[in-house]
Amino acid sequence: MNSNEKAAKMAGILFILAAVSAVAGLLLYDPILNSTDPLIQGPAHSNQVILGAVMELILVGSAVGTSITMFPFLRKYNETLALGHVLFRFLEAVVITVGIISVLALLTLGREYAAAAAPDPASFYASAASLKAVHDWTFLLGPNFMLGINTMLYSYIFYKSKLVPRFIPILGMTGSVLVFLCALLVMFGVFTQLSVWGALLALPVAANEMILAVWLIRKGFNLSAVPA
């Protein structure tokens, strides 16, 4: 297996790892993000919440890793867009990391609330609501807004270069527009992110990543399309 094949397989594996860790992190956060009393339920499921943070850290590393492994191929066709893809993927990772910090800070707040001799519930719950709001916004701006931009960038290069079959980048460009539109509609309060419409608009970009991942692992890049 040559270096090009290894890079393609690694990119595919990282796409899958990012998807799995993202879903796992969201599910593991349930006690602290979806509970009616996060200050109580968070510390009660402390290890689960921390494991969720670990899953999201894996997501961050995997997401950045996909852009790094694909950059040498993408830059041969359009170095500006290839670099833009790396930068927007990095921004996506930064936004997700801020969300991780907000969840861990909320967990710490819950522990302090439980340990306080005479806690002021109003101030604690106001702080908890603020931290949860930070996570909600990062969950929108990272996996939707930034994701839509960087998916469009690499999909466009794939479409022009024919590094992968064109049906994959067509799905990617379609999905990027829809997930970006989803982010805007959620921001303006048309519907919530975790809703039927939110899921439907995010589905194409998720399908694109999984189809691309499987293709890269099994077939790799079309090396005949790679310039010398």
Protein backbone atom coordinates (compact mmCIF):
# COMPACT_ATOMS: atom_id res chain seq x y z
CA MET A 1 0.00 0.00 0.00
CA ASN A 2 1.54 3.32 -1.07
CA SER A 3 1.34 6.62 0.78
CA ASN A 4 -1.61 7.89 -1.31
CA GLU A 5 -3.68 4.80 -0.49
CA LYS A 6 -2.78 5.07 3.19
CA ALA A 7 -3.81 8.74 3.26
CA ALA A 8 -7.16 7.97 1.59
CA LYS A 9 -7.92 5.14 4.02
CA MET A 10 -6.91 7.28 6.98
CA ALA A 11 -9.23 10.09 5.84
CA GLY A 12 -12.10 7.61 5.49
CA ILE A 13 -11.47 6.14 8.94
CA LEU A 14 -11.33 9.61 10.48
CA PHE A 15 -14.66 10.58 8.87
CA ILE A 16 -16.30 7.51 10.43
CA LEU A 17 -14.61 8.07 13.80
CA ALA A 18 -15.82 11.70 13.81
CA ALA A 19 -19.41 10.63 13.11
CA VAL A 20 -19.44 7.88 15.74
CA SER A 21 -17.83 10.04 18.44
CA ALA A 22 -20.22 12.94 17.68
CA VAL A 23 -23.30 10.74 18.19
CA ALA A 24 -21.80 9.08 21.26
CA GLY A 25 -20.95 12.42 22.84
CA LEU A 26 -24.45 13.77 22.28
CA LEU A 27 -26.04 10.70 23.86
CA LEU A 28 -23.67 10.69 26.83
CA TYR A 29 -24.41 14.37 27.54
CA ASP A 30 -28.12 13.63 27.95
CA PRO A 31 -28.25 13.79 31.80
CA ILE A 32 -26.70 17.23 31.95
CA LEU A 33 -28.09 18.87 28.80
CA ASN A 34 -31.60 17.45 28.62
CA SER A 35 -32.39 17.04 32.31
CA THR A 36 -34.85 19.35 34.04
CA ASP A 37 -32.25 19.76 36.79
CA PRO A 38 -28.71 19.69 35.33
CA LEU A 39 -27.11 20.82 38.59
CA ILE A 40 -28.31 17.60 40.22
CA GLN A 41 -28.31 15.16 37.33
CA GLY A 42 -24.94 16.27 35.98
CA PRO A 43 -22.88 15.34 39.05
CA ALA A 44 -25.03 12.23 39.55
CA HIS A 45 -23.83 11.01 36.12
CA SER A 46 -20.40 12.60 36.33
CA ASN A 47 -18.42 9.81 34.66
CA GLN A 48 -20.93 9.58 31.82
CA VAL A 49 -20.71 13.32 31.17
CA ILE A 50 -16.90 13.25 31.24
CA LEU A 51 -16.91 10.30 28.82
CA GLY A 52 -19.13 12.38 26.56
CA ALA A 53 -16.51 15.16 26.68
CA VAL A 54 -13.82 12.63 25.76
CA MET A 55 -15.93 11.51 22.79
CA GLU A 56 -16.20 15.10 21.60
CA LEU A 57 -12.46 15.58 21.97
CA ILE A 58 -12.06 12.56 19.71
CA LEU A 59 -14.48 14.27 17.33
CA VAL A 60 -12.31 17.41 17.36
CA GLY A 61 -9.15 15.48 16.57
CA SER A 62 -10.84 13.39 13.88
CA ALA A 63 -12.42 16.40 12.18
CA VAL A 64 -9.13 18.26 11.96
CA GLY A 65 -7.43 15.03 10.88
CA THR A 66 -9.69 14.65 7.84
CA SER A 67 -8.69 18.08 6.55
CA ILE A 68 -4.99 17.43 7.13
CA THR A 69 -4.99 14.07 5.35
CA MET A 70 -6.94 15.42 2.35
CA PHE A 71 -5.01 18.69 2.02
CA PRO A 72 -2.08 17.31 -0.04
CA PHE A 73 -4.56 16.05 -2.66
CA LEU A 74 -6.88 19.07 -2.66
CA ARG A 75 -4.07 21.63 -2.91
CA LYS A 76 -2.95 20.22 -6.28
CA TYR A 77 -6.16 21.60 -7.82
CA ASN A 78 -6.88 24.72 -5.80
CA GLU A 79 -4.52 25.57 -2.97
CA THR A 80 -6.60 28.54 -1.81
CA LEU A 81 -9.78 26.52 -1.38
CA ALA A 82 -7.84 23.61 0.09
CA LEU A 83 -6.31 25.90 2.71
CA GLY A 84 -9.75 27.42 3.34
CA HIS A 85 -11.10 23.94 4.00
CA VAL A 86 -8.40 23.30 6.60
CA LEU A 87 -9.05 26.66 8.29
CA PHE A 88 -12.84 26.28 8.43
CA ARG A 89 -12.48 22.71 9.69
CA PHE A 90 -10.16 24.07 12.37
CA LEU A 91 -12.73 26.75 13.26
CA GLU A 92 -15.39 24.04 13.50
CA ALA A 93 -13.13 22.18 15.93
CA VAL A 94 -12.52 25.33 17.99
CA VAL A 95 -16.26 26.01 18.29
CA ILE A 96 -16.92 22.40 19.35
CA THR A 97 -14.12 22.69 21.94
CA VAL A 98 -15.80 25.76 23.44
CA GLY A 99 -18.95 23.64 23.75
CA ILE A 100 -17.00 20.93 25.56
CA ILE A 101 -15.62 23.48 28.00
CA SER A 102 -19.13 24.82 28.69
CA VAL A 103 -20.42 21.32 29.53
CA LEU A 104 -17.48 20.59 31.84
CA ALA A 105 -17.95 24.00 33.49
CA LEU A 106 -21.64 23.15 34.01
CA LEU A 107 -20.59 19.87 35.63
CA THR A 108 -18.23 21.75 37.97
CA LEU A 109 -21.00 24.20 38.80
CA GLY A 110 -23.26 21.30 39.75
CA ARG A 111 -20.60 19.88 42.07
CA GLU A 112 -20.15 23.27 43.74
CA TYR A 113 -23.91 23.59 44.14
CA ALA A 114 -24.06 20.18 45.86
CA ALA A 115 -21.11 21.03 48.14
CA ALA A 116 -22.31 24.52 49.12
CA ALA A 117 -23.55 24.82 52.69
CA ALA A 118 -26.25 27.36 51.84
CA PRO A 119 -26.38 27.73 48.06
CA ASP A 120 -28.25 30.53 46.33
CA PRO A 121 -30.39 28.52 43.85
CA ALA A 122 -31.23 31.51 41.68
CA SER A 123 -27.62 32.44 40.93
CA PHE A 124 -26.56 28.84 40.38
CA TYR A 125 -29.40 28.09 37.99
CA ALA A 126 -28.86 31.35 36.12
CA SER A 127 -25.22 30.38 35.58
CA ALA A 128 -26.29 26.87 34.54
CA ALA A 129 -28.69 28.29 31.96
CA SER A 130 -25.93 30.49 30.54
CA LEU A 131 -23.49 27.60 30.20
CA LYS A 132 -26.11 25.43 28.56
CA ALA A 133 -26.91 28.25 26.12
CA VAL A 134 -23.21 28.46 25.20
CA HIS A 135 -23.21 24.75 24.37
CA ASP A 136 -26.43 25.04 22.36
CA TRP A 137 -24.94 27.79 20.20
CA THR A 138 -21.66 25.95 19.68
CA PHE A 139 -23.63 22.83 18.73
CA LEU A 140 -25.32 24.90 16.03
CA LEU A 141 -22.37 26.94 14.77
CA GLY A 142 -19.85 24.08 14.69
CA PRO A 143 -21.60 20.97 13.32
CA ASN A 144 -23.96 23.00 11.10
CA PHE A 145 -22.69 26.44 10.14
CA MET A 146 -18.93 25.76 9.86
CA LEU A 147 -19.54 22.23 8.60
CA GLY A 148 -21.60 23.58 5.72
CA ILE A 149 -18.76 25.85 4.62
CA ASN A 150 -15.91 23.34 4.79
CA THR A 151 -18.00 20.60 3.14
CA MET A 152 -18.73 22.90 0.22
CA LEU A 153 -15.03 23.70 -0.18
CA TYR A 154 -13.75 20.13 -0.38
CA SER A 155 -16.77 18.89 -2.34
CA TYR A 156 -16.25 21.55 -5.00
CA ILE A 157 -12.61 20.53 -5.44
CA PHE A 158 -13.61 16.85 -5.60
CA TYR A 159 -16.19 17.69 -8.25
CA LYS A 160 -13.72 19.62 -10.42
CA SER A 161 -10.83 17.19 -9.96
CA LYS A 162 -12.70 13.86 -10.22
CA LEU A 163 -10.63 12.48 -7.34
CA VAL A 164 -13.79 10.60 -6.35
CA PRO A 165 -16.93 9.82 -8.44
CA ARG A 166 -18.91 12.98 -9.06
CA PHE A 167 -22.11 11.75 -7.39
CA ILE A 168 -20.28 12.02 -4.04
CA PRO A 169 -19.31 15.72 -4.26
CA ILE A 170 -22.71 16.54 -5.77
CA LEU A 171 -24.30 15.06 -2.66
CA GLY A 172 -21.72 16.92 -0.57
CA MET A 173 -22.44 20.31 -2.15
CA THR A 174 -26.19 19.73 -1.82
CA GLY A 175 -25.80 18.69 1.80
CA SER A 176 -23.56 21.66 2.60
CA VAL A 177 -26.18 24.11 1.31
CA LEU A 178 -28.95 22.39 3.25
CA VAL A 179 -27.05 22.17 6.55
CA PHE A 180 -25.97 25.82 6.20
CA LEU A 181 -29.60 26.78 5.51
CA CYS A 182 -30.64 24.71 8.53
CA ALA A 183 -28.24 26.69 10.74
CA LEU A 184 -29.65 30.00 9.52
CA LEU A 185 -33.27 28.90 10.02
CA VAL A 186 -32.51 27.68 13.55
CA MET A 187 -30.74 30.95 14.33
CA PHE A 188 -33.85 32.88 13.29
CA GLY A 189 -36.11 30.58 15.33
CA VAL A 190 -37.99 28.93 12.45
CA PHE A 191 -37.50 25.53 14.07
CA THR A 192 -35.19 23.91 16.61
CA GLN A 193 -32.01 22.08 15.68
CA LEU A 194 -33.11 18.80 17.25
CA SER A 195 -36.35 18.57 15.29
CA VAL A 196 -37.67 16.68 12.27
CA TRP A 197 -36.75 19.53 9.91
CA GLY A 198 -33.34 19.90 11.52
CA ALA A 199 -32.66 16.19 11.06
CA LEU A 200 -33.90 16.14 7.45
CA LEU A 201 -31.74 19.10 6.44
CA ALA A 202 -28.66 17.63 8.14
CA LEU A 203 -29.14 14.12 6.71
CA PRO A 204 -27.60 14.70 3.23
CA VAL A 205 -24.31 16.05 4.57
CA ALA A 206 -24.08 13.15 7.03
CA ALA A 207 -24.79 10.69 4.22
CA ASN A 208 -22.13 12.35 2.09
CA GLU A 209 -19.48 11.92 4.78
CA MET A 210 -20.28 8.25 5.29
CA ILE A 211 -20.41 7.47 1.55
CA LEU A 212 -17.15 9.36 1.03
CA ALA A 213 -15.57 7.54 3.97
CA VAL A 214 -16.50 4.10 2.65
CA TRP A 215 -15.30 5.02 -0.85
CA LEU A 216 -11.94 6.27 0.43
CA ILE A 217 -11.39 3.16 2.53
CA ARG A 218 -12.32 0.74 -0.25
CA LYS A 219 -11.26 2.55 -3.42
CA GLY A 220 -9.14 5.53 -2.38
CA PHE A 221 -8.58 8.58 -4.53
CA ASN A 222 -8.58 8.36 -8.30
CA LEU A 223 -4.81 8.56 -8.65
CA SER A 224 -5.01 9.03 -12.41
CA ALA A 225 -6.60 12.42 -11.68
CA VAL A 226 -3.75 13.49 -9.37
CA PRO A 227 -1.33 15.85 -11.13
CA ALA A 228 2.35 14.95 -10.96
